[in-house]
Amino acid sequence: MNIQILYEDEAILVCRKPAGVAVQTRRLGEPDMESLLKNYRASKGEPPFIGVVHRLDQPVEGVMLYAKTKQAASALGRQIASAQADKCYYAMTDGVPARSGGTLEDYLLRDGKTNVSSVVTKSTPGAKHSELSYEVLEQNGKRAVLKIRLKTGRHHQIRVQLAHAGFPIVGDRKYNFKENIAPSGSGLALCSYRIAFRHPVTCKKMEFEIDKPFCLS
């Protein structure tokens, strides 16, 4: 499998993760981004270290940032944990928001046994505050394409919050009940299209963006 490298230097590597490939997996024989990038580095005669500093769900494609040294991994991990890194997404939704833009704030609880998260009350033990903002880019009365900026990074956050708000993501078999009645046949219409951060060595602002992979027309 060929990996699309968007940028690389001695400390970091930025690439485009294909939909359907896990960031990490324990399943024997199944390729994941970590092992693919380790092999890529080894093929160039480099130490095969890859630091995973953030994640995307397996069905989601888009821009991902990796560290090539432990020092860079620590620095980037701090940026991700403190929300200093900026991550933006495109999503196609089944349903159209009533407003052209806004903010969604909920409390989410993850069920580790089912690997599903749900919206719960603030007082629920283990509940985590979750926030995102969205802007409607286009809509046809039945579906919409949204631009989304994450303000927190929770398990399945975008998928859960959009579904709870009444406009779940097209192709989402976990949180869009319509997909289980009449599956669209397409993949999950969610893409991480932009990431911005400070370089872990030079502190220079870095920004990488890819084109929107879907539209309504």
C-alpha atoms as a PDB file:
ATOM      1  CA  MET A   1       0.000   0.000   0.000  1.00  0.00           C
ATOM      2  CA  ASN A   2       1.396   3.376  -1.033  1.00  0.00           C
ATOM      3  CA  ILE A   3       1.227   6.150   1.558  1.00  0.00           C
ATOM      4  CA  GLN A   4       0.787   9.737   0.377  1.00  0.00           C
ATOM      5  CA  ILE A   5       3.447  11.769   2.200  1.00  0.00           C
ATOM      6  CA  LEU A   6       2.574  15.468   2.390  1.00  0.00           C
ATOM      7  CA  TYR A   7       5.660  16.630   4.311  1.00  0.00           C
ATOM      8  CA  GLU A   8       8.655  15.115   6.050  1.00  0.00           C
ATOM      9  CA  ASP A   9      11.785  16.289   7.845  1.00  0.00           C
ATOM     10  CA  GLU A  10      14.022  14.891  10.587  1.00  0.00           C
ATOM     11  CA  ALA A  11      11.415  15.349  13.318  1.00  0.00           C
ATOM     12  CA  ILE A  12       7.946  14.970  11.818  1.00  0.00           C
ATOM     13  CA  LEU A  13       6.013  13.241   9.075  1.00  0.00           C
ATOM     14  CA  VAL A  14       2.650  14.386   7.692  1.00  0.00           C
ATOM     15  CA  CYS A  15       0.627  12.060   5.476  1.00  0.00           C
ATOM     16  CA  ARG A  16      -2.863  11.330   4.195  1.00  0.00           C
ATOM     17  CA  LYS A  17      -4.474   8.325   5.864  1.00  0.00           C
ATOM     18  CA  PRO A  18      -6.726   6.317   3.540  1.00  0.00           C
ATOM     19  CA  ALA A  19     -10.240   5.475   4.721  1.00  0.00           C
ATOM     20  CA  GLY A  20     -10.441   1.945   6.121  1.00  0.00           C
ATOM     21  CA  VAL A  21      -6.874   1.794   7.450  1.00  0.00           C
ATOM     22  CA  ALA A  22      -6.465   1.792  11.234  1.00  0.00           C
ATOM     23  CA  VAL A  23      -3.997   4.116  12.946  1.00  0.00           C
ATOM     24  CA  GLN A  24      -2.889   1.159  15.084  1.00  0.00           C
ATOM     25  CA  THR A  25      -4.185  -2.405  15.287  1.00  0.00           C
ATOM     26  CA  ARG A  26      -3.411  -5.649  17.111  1.00  0.00           C
ATOM     27  CA  ARG A  27      -4.991  -7.780  14.383  1.00  0.00           C
ATOM     28  CA  LEU A  28      -2.412 -10.021  12.762  1.00  0.00           C
ATOM     29  CA  GLY A  29      -1.997  -9.512   9.045  1.00  0.00           C
ATOM     30  CA  GLU A  30      -3.978  -6.259   8.934  1.00  0.00           C
ATOM     31  CA  PRO A  31      -1.884  -3.228   7.885  1.00  0.00           C
ATOM     32  CA  ASP A  32      -2.099  -0.081   9.960  1.00  0.00           C
ATOM     33  CA  MET A  33      -0.580   3.371   9.593  1.00  0.00           C
ATOM     34  CA  GLU A  34       2.006   2.849  12.312  1.00  0.00           C
ATOM     35  CA  SER A  35       3.436  -0.326  10.757  1.00  0.00           C
ATOM     36  CA  LEU A  36       3.246   1.058   7.200  1.00  0.00           C
ATOM     37  CA  LEU A  37       5.197   4.159   8.190  1.00  0.00           C
ATOM     38  CA  LYS A  38       7.732   2.124  10.170  1.00  0.00           C
ATOM     39  CA  ASN A  39       8.324   0.040   7.067  1.00  0.00           C
ATOM     40  CA  TYR A  40       8.592   3.208   4.980  1.00  0.00           C
ATOM     41  CA  ARG A  41      11.307   4.577   7.277  1.00  0.00           C
ATOM     42  CA  ALA A  42      13.129   1.256   7.392  1.00  0.00           C
ATOM     43  CA  SER A  43      13.156   1.112   3.568  1.00  0.00           C
ATOM     44  CA  LYS A  44      15.121   4.378   3.595  1.00  0.00           C
ATOM     45  CA  GLY A  45      17.617   3.072   6.135  1.00  0.00           C
ATOM     46  CA  GLU A  46      16.180   5.193   8.948  1.00  0.00           C
ATOM     47  CA  PRO A  47      15.354   4.112  12.509  1.00  0.00           C
ATOM     48  CA  PRO A  48      11.794   2.763  12.270  1.00  0.00           C
ATOM     49  CA  PHE A  49      10.403   4.834  15.133  1.00  0.00           C
ATOM     50  CA  ILE A  50       6.940   6.346  14.599  1.00  0.00           C
ATOM     51  CA  GLY A  51       5.306   8.373  17.348  1.00  0.00           C
ATOM     52  CA  VAL A  52       1.501   8.364  17.194  1.00  0.00           C
ATOM     53  CA  VAL A  53       0.378  11.727  18.606  1.00  0.00           C
ATOM     54  CA  HIS A  54      -3.300  11.766  17.542  1.00  0.00           C
ATOM     55  CA  ARG A  55      -5.833   9.417  15.982  1.00  0.00           C
ATOM     56  CA  LEU A  56      -8.555   9.104  13.376  1.00  0.00           C
ATOM     57  CA  ASP A  57     -11.288   6.479  13.372  1.00  0.00           C
ATOM     58  CA  GLN A  58     -10.536   3.632  10.960  1.00  0.00           C
ATOM     59  CA  PRO A  59     -13.284   4.630   8.445  1.00  0.00           C
ATOM     60  CA  VAL A  60     -12.083   8.258   8.367  1.00  0.00           C
ATOM     61  CA  GLU A  61      -9.570   9.526   5.836  1.00  0.00           C
ATOM     62  CA  GLY A  62      -7.445  12.629   6.094  1.00  0.00           C
ATOM     63  CA  VAL A  63      -4.347  14.443   7.268  1.00  0.00           C
ATOM     64  CA  MET A  64      -2.321  12.875  10.063  1.00  0.00           C
ATOM     65  CA  LEU A  65       0.771  14.047  11.904  1.00  0.00           C
ATOM     66  CA  TYR A  66       3.439  11.679  13.244  1.00  0.00           C
ATOM     67  CA  ALA A  67       6.665  12.165  15.159  1.00  0.00           C
ATOM     68  CA  LYS A  68       9.971  10.651  14.047  1.00  0.00           C
ATOM     69  CA  THR A  69      11.710  11.039  17.426  1.00  0.00           C
ATOM     70  CA  LYS A  70      10.627  10.533  21.027  1.00  0.00           C
ATOM     71  CA  GLN A  71      11.363  14.186  21.787  1.00  0.00           C
ATOM     72  CA  ALA A  72       9.134  15.350  18.933  1.00  0.00           C
ATOM     73  CA  ALA A  73       6.406  12.929  20.040  1.00  0.00           C
ATOM     74  CA  SER A  74       6.398  14.427  23.549  1.00  0.00           C
ATOM     75  CA  ALA A  75       6.243  18.009  22.259  1.00  0.00           C
ATOM     76  CA  LEU A  76       3.493  17.276  19.753  1.00  0.00           C
ATOM     77  CA  GLY A  77       1.557  15.218  22.276  1.00  0.00           C
ATOM     78  CA  ARG A  78       1.464  18.227  24.619  1.00  0.00           C
ATOM     79  CA  GLN A  79       0.070  20.413  21.823  1.00  0.00           C
ATOM     80  CA  ILE A  80      -2.640  17.885  21.012  1.00  0.00           C
ATOM     81  CA  ALA A  81      -3.577  17.361  24.677  1.00  0.00           C
ATOM     82  CA  SER A  82      -3.826  21.115  25.356  1.00  0.00           C
ATOM     83  CA  ALA A  83      -5.799  21.813  22.147  1.00  0.00           C
ATOM     84  CA  GLN A  84      -3.022  24.019  20.760  1.00  0.00           C
ATOM     85  CA  ALA A  85      -3.091  22.041  17.522  1.00  0.00           C
ATOM     86  CA  ASP A  86      -5.958  22.979  15.210  1.00  0.00           C
ATOM     87  CA  LYS A  87      -7.873  20.104  13.572  1.00  0.00           C
ATOM     88  CA  CYS A  88     -10.664  20.642  11.034  1.00  0.00           C
ATOM     89  CA  TYR A  89     -12.989  18.232   9.262  1.00  0.00           C
ATOM     90  CA  TYR A  90     -15.520  17.969   6.442  1.00  0.00           C
ATOM     91  CA  ALA A  91     -18.670  15.920   6.992  1.00  0.00           C
ATOM     92  CA  MET A  92     -21.680  15.148   4.813  1.00  0.00           C
ATOM     93  CA  THR A  93     -24.784  14.828   6.959  1.00  0.00           C
ATOM     94  CA  ASP A  94     -28.120  13.079   6.593  1.00  0.00           C
ATOM     95  CA  GLY A  95     -30.303  16.061   7.450  1.00  0.00           C
ATOM     96  CA  VAL A  96     -29.628  19.794   7.467  1.00  0.00           C
ATOM     97  CA  PRO A  97     -28.897  21.931  10.535  1.00  0.00           C
ATOM     98  CA  ALA A  98     -31.494  24.617  11.251  1.00  0.00           C
ATOM     99  CA  ARG A  99     -28.741  27.219  11.452  1.00  0.00           C
ATOM    100  CA  SER A 100     -25.936  27.989   9.011  1.00  0.00           C
ATOM    101  CA  GLY A 101     -23.396  27.558  11.774  1.00  0.00           C
ATOM    102  CA  GLY A 102     -23.044  27.109  15.477  1.00  0.00           C
ATOM    103  CA  THR A 103     -21.494  25.257  18.396  1.00  0.00           C
ATOM    104  CA  LEU A 104     -22.417  21.885  19.849  1.00  0.00           C
ATOM    105  CA  GLU A 105     -21.625  21.191  23.505  1.00  0.00           C
ATOM    106  CA  ASP A 106     -22.413  17.851  25.115  1.00  0.00           C
ATOM    107  CA  TYR A 107     -21.120  15.394  27.691  1.00  0.00           C
ATOM    108  CA  LEU A 108     -20.027  12.057  26.254  1.00  0.00           C
ATOM    109  CA  LEU A 109     -19.505   8.680  27.874  1.00  0.00           C
ATOM    110  CA  ARG A 110     -17.602   5.865  26.163  1.00  0.00           C
ATOM    111  CA  ASP A 111     -18.598   2.221  26.535  1.00  0.00           C
ATOM    112  CA  GLY A 112     -15.367   0.268  26.193  1.00  0.00           C
ATOM    113  CA  LYS A 113     -17.168  -3.040  25.664  1.00  0.00           C
ATOM    114  CA  THR A 114     -19.177  -1.895  22.642  1.00  0.00           C
ATOM    115  CA  ASN A 115     -16.722   0.799  21.448  1.00  0.00           C
ATOM    116  CA  VAL A 116     -19.606   3.264  21.249  1.00  0.00           C
ATOM    117  CA  SER A 117     -19.990   6.678  22.885  1.00  0.00           C
ATOM    118  CA  SER A 118     -23.245   8.385  23.836  1.00  0.00           C
ATOM    119  CA  VAL A 119     -24.489  11.753  25.047  1.00  0.00           C
ATOM    120  CA  VAL A 120     -25.206  11.737  28.779  1.00  0.00           C
ATOM    121  CA  THR A 121     -25.866  14.260  31.525  1.00  0.00           C
ATOM    122  CA  LYS A 122     -23.070  16.281  33.057  1.00  0.00           C
ATOM    123  CA  SER A 123     -23.453  14.458  36.367  1.00  0.00           C
ATOM    124  CA  THR A 124     -22.899  11.005  34.833  1.00  0.00           C
ATOM    125  CA  PRO A 125     -19.720   9.419  36.266  1.00  0.00           C
ATOM    126  CA  GLY A 126     -16.980   9.432  33.643  1.00  0.00           C
ATOM    127  CA  ALA A 127     -18.757  11.929  31.368  1.00  0.00           C
ATOM    128  CA  LYS A 128     -16.434  14.226  29.400  1.00  0.00           C
ATOM    129  CA  HIS A 129     -17.219  17.700  28.114  1.00  0.00           C
ATOM    130  CA  SER A 130     -17.212  17.756  24.307  1.00  0.00           C
ATOM    131  CA  GLU A 131     -17.373  20.802  22.058  1.00  0.00           C
ATOM    132  CA  LEU A 132     -17.179  21.509  18.342  1.00  0.00           C
ATOM    133  CA  SER A 133     -18.163  24.307  15.990  1.00  0.00           C
ATOM    134  CA  TYR A 134     -19.622  23.859  12.515  1.00  0.00           C
ATOM    135  CA  GLU A 135     -20.417  25.835   9.377  1.00  0.00           C
ATOM    136  CA  VAL A 136     -22.770  24.720   6.598  1.00  0.00           C
ATOM    137  CA  LEU A 137     -20.914  24.928   3.265  1.00  0.00           C
ATOM    138  CA  GLU A 138     -23.698  23.583   1.047  1.00  0.00           C
ATOM    139  CA  GLN A 139     -27.064  21.850   1.407  1.00  0.00           C
ATOM    140  CA  ASN A 140     -29.872  20.570  -0.784  1.00  0.00           C
ATOM    141  CA  GLY A 141     -32.682  20.303   1.737  1.00  0.00           C
ATOM    142  CA  LYS A 142     -31.930  16.667   2.585  1.00  0.00           C
ATOM    143  CA  ARG A 143     -28.181  16.610   3.105  1.00  0.00           C
ATOM    144  CA  ALA A 144     -25.499  19.125   4.005  1.00  0.00           C
ATOM    145  CA  VAL A 145     -21.730  19.433   3.838  1.00  0.00           C
ATOM    146  CA  LEU A 146     -20.284  20.889   7.026  1.00  0.00           C
ATOM    147  CA  LYS A 147     -16.915  22.322   7.958  1.00  0.00           C
ATOM    148  CA  ILE A 148     -16.120  21.335  11.536  1.00  0.00           C
ATOM    149  CA  ARG A 149     -13.515  22.500  14.030  1.00  0.00           C
ATOM    150  CA  LEU A 150     -12.898  20.326  17.070  1.00  0.00           C
ATOM    151  CA  LYS A 151     -12.397  22.106  20.379  1.00  0.00           C
ATOM    152  CA  THR A 152     -12.041  18.842  22.323  1.00  0.00           C
ATOM    153  CA  GLY A 153     -10.962  15.396  21.190  1.00  0.00           C
ATOM    154  CA  ARG A 154     -13.289  12.668  22.420  1.00  0.00           C
ATOM    155  CA  HIS A 155     -13.988   9.136  21.199  1.00  0.00           C
ATOM    156  CA  HIS A 156     -16.198   9.298  18.061  1.00  0.00           C
ATOM    157  CA  GLN A 157     -16.979  12.890  19.063  1.00  0.00           C
ATOM    158  CA  ILE A 158     -18.066  14.351  15.714  1.00  0.00           C
ATOM    159  CA  ARG A 159     -20.113  11.271  14.838  1.00  0.00           C
ATOM    160  CA  VAL A 160     -21.903  11.202  18.211  1.00  0.00           C
ATOM    161  CA  GLN A 161     -22.583  14.924  18.501  1.00  0.00           C
ATOM    162  CA  LEU A 162     -23.909  15.343  14.958  1.00  0.00           C
ATOM    163  CA  ALA A 163     -26.172  12.306  15.367  1.00  0.00           C
ATOM    164  CA  HIS A 164     -27.476  13.615  18.699  1.00  0.00           C
ATOM    165  CA  ALA A 165     -28.154  17.022  17.109  1.00  0.00           C
ATOM    166  CA  GLY A 166     -30.335  15.378  14.439  1.00  0.00           C
ATOM    167  CA  PHE A 167     -28.017  15.362  11.437  1.00  0.00           C
ATOM    168  CA  PRO A 168     -25.896  12.185  11.546  1.00  0.00           C
ATOM    169  CA  ILE A 169     -23.086  11.510   9.080  1.00  0.00           C
ATOM    170  CA  VAL A 170     -23.841   9.727   5.814  1.00  0.00           C
ATOM    171  CA  GLY A 171     -22.411   6.207   5.836  1.00  0.00           C
ATOM    172  CA  ASP A 172     -22.141   5.972   9.629  1.00  0.00           C
ATOM    173  CA  ARG A 173     -23.350   2.482  10.548  1.00  0.00           C
ATOM    174  CA  LYS A 174     -22.768   3.060  14.286  1.00  0.00           C
ATOM    175  CA  TYR A 175     -24.669   6.298  14.868  1.00  0.00           C
ATOM    176  CA  ASN A 176     -26.937   6.838  11.842  1.00  0.00           C
ATOM    177  CA  PHE A 177     -29.854   4.406  12.235  1.00  0.00           C
ATOM    178  CA  LYS A 178     -30.997   5.050   8.632  1.00  0.00           C
ATOM    179  CA  GLU A 179     -27.831   3.382   7.375  1.00  0.00           C
ATOM    180  CA  ASN A 180     -28.969   0.116   8.956  1.00  0.00           C
ATOM    181  CA  ILE A 181     -32.361   0.365   7.228  1.00  0.00           C
ATOM    182  CA  ALA A 182     -31.176   1.359   3.761  1.00  0.00           C
ATOM    183  CA  PRO A 183     -27.362   1.455   3.616  1.00  0.00           C
ATOM    184  CA  SER A 184     -25.956   4.103   1.288  1.00  0.00           C
ATOM    185  CA  GLY A 185     -23.244   1.766   0.021  1.00  0.00           C
ATOM    186  CA  SER A 186     -20.622   4.450   0.500  1.00  0.00           C
ATOM    187  CA  GLY A 187     -18.019   4.900   3.183  1.00  0.00           C
ATOM    188  CA  LEU A 188     -18.220   7.217   6.171  1.00  0.00           C
ATOM    189  CA  ALA A 189     -18.515  10.768   4.798  1.00  0.00           C
ATOM    190  CA  LEU A 190     -16.060  12.309   7.245  1.00  0.00           C
ATOM    191  CA  CYS A 191     -12.608  13.653   6.397  1.00  0.00           C
ATOM    192  CA  SER A 192      -9.902  15.327   8.452  1.00  0.00           C
ATOM    193  CA  TYR A 193      -8.871  17.954   5.915  1.00  0.00           C
ATOM    194  CA  ARG A 194      -6.615  20.312   7.897  1.00  0.00           C
ATOM    195  CA  ILE A 195      -4.140  20.268  10.765  1.00  0.00           C
ATOM    196  CA  ALA A 196      -2.092  23.183  12.091  1.00  0.00           C
ATOM    197  CA  PHE A 197       0.554  23.032  14.833  1.00  0.00           C
ATOM    198  CA  ARG A 198       3.934  24.351  15.958  1.00  0.00           C
ATOM    199  CA  HIS A 199       6.973  22.438  14.751  1.00  0.00           C
ATOM    200  CA  PRO A 200       8.389  20.553  17.767  1.00  0.00           C
ATOM    201  CA  VAL A 201      11.953  21.713  17.046  1.00  0.00           C
ATOM    202  CA  THR A 202      11.761  25.095  15.279  1.00  0.00           C
ATOM    203  CA  CYS A 203       8.425  26.226  16.805  1.00  0.00           C
ATOM    204  CA  LYS A 204       7.451  27.435  13.329  1.00  0.00           C
ATOM    205  CA  LYS A 205       3.713  27.316  12.606  1.00  0.00           C
ATOM    206  CA  MET A 206       2.954  24.460  10.211  1.00  0.00           C
ATOM    207  CA  GLU A 207      -0.318  23.977   8.343  1.00  0.00           C
ATOM    208  CA  PHE A 208      -1.429  21.216   5.967  1.00  0.00           C
ATOM    209  CA  GLU A 209      -4.718  20.923   4.096  1.00  0.00           C
ATOM    210  CA  ILE A 210      -6.287  18.608   1.516  1.00  0.00           C
ATOM    211  CA  ASP A 211      -9.260  19.108  -0.802  1.00  0.00           C
ATOM    212  CA  LYS A 212     -12.805  18.207   0.186  1.00  0.00           C
ATOM    213  CA  PRO A 213     -13.406  14.629  -1.039  1.00  0.00           C
ATOM    214  CA  PHE A 214     -17.210  14.830  -1.415  1.00  0.00           C
ATOM    215  CA  CYS A 215     -19.939  17.269  -2.452  1.00  0.00           C
ATOM    216  CA  LEU A 216     -23.707  17.317  -3.029  1.00  0.00           C
ATOM    217  CA  SER A 217     -23.661  18.081  -6.751  1.00  0.00           C
END
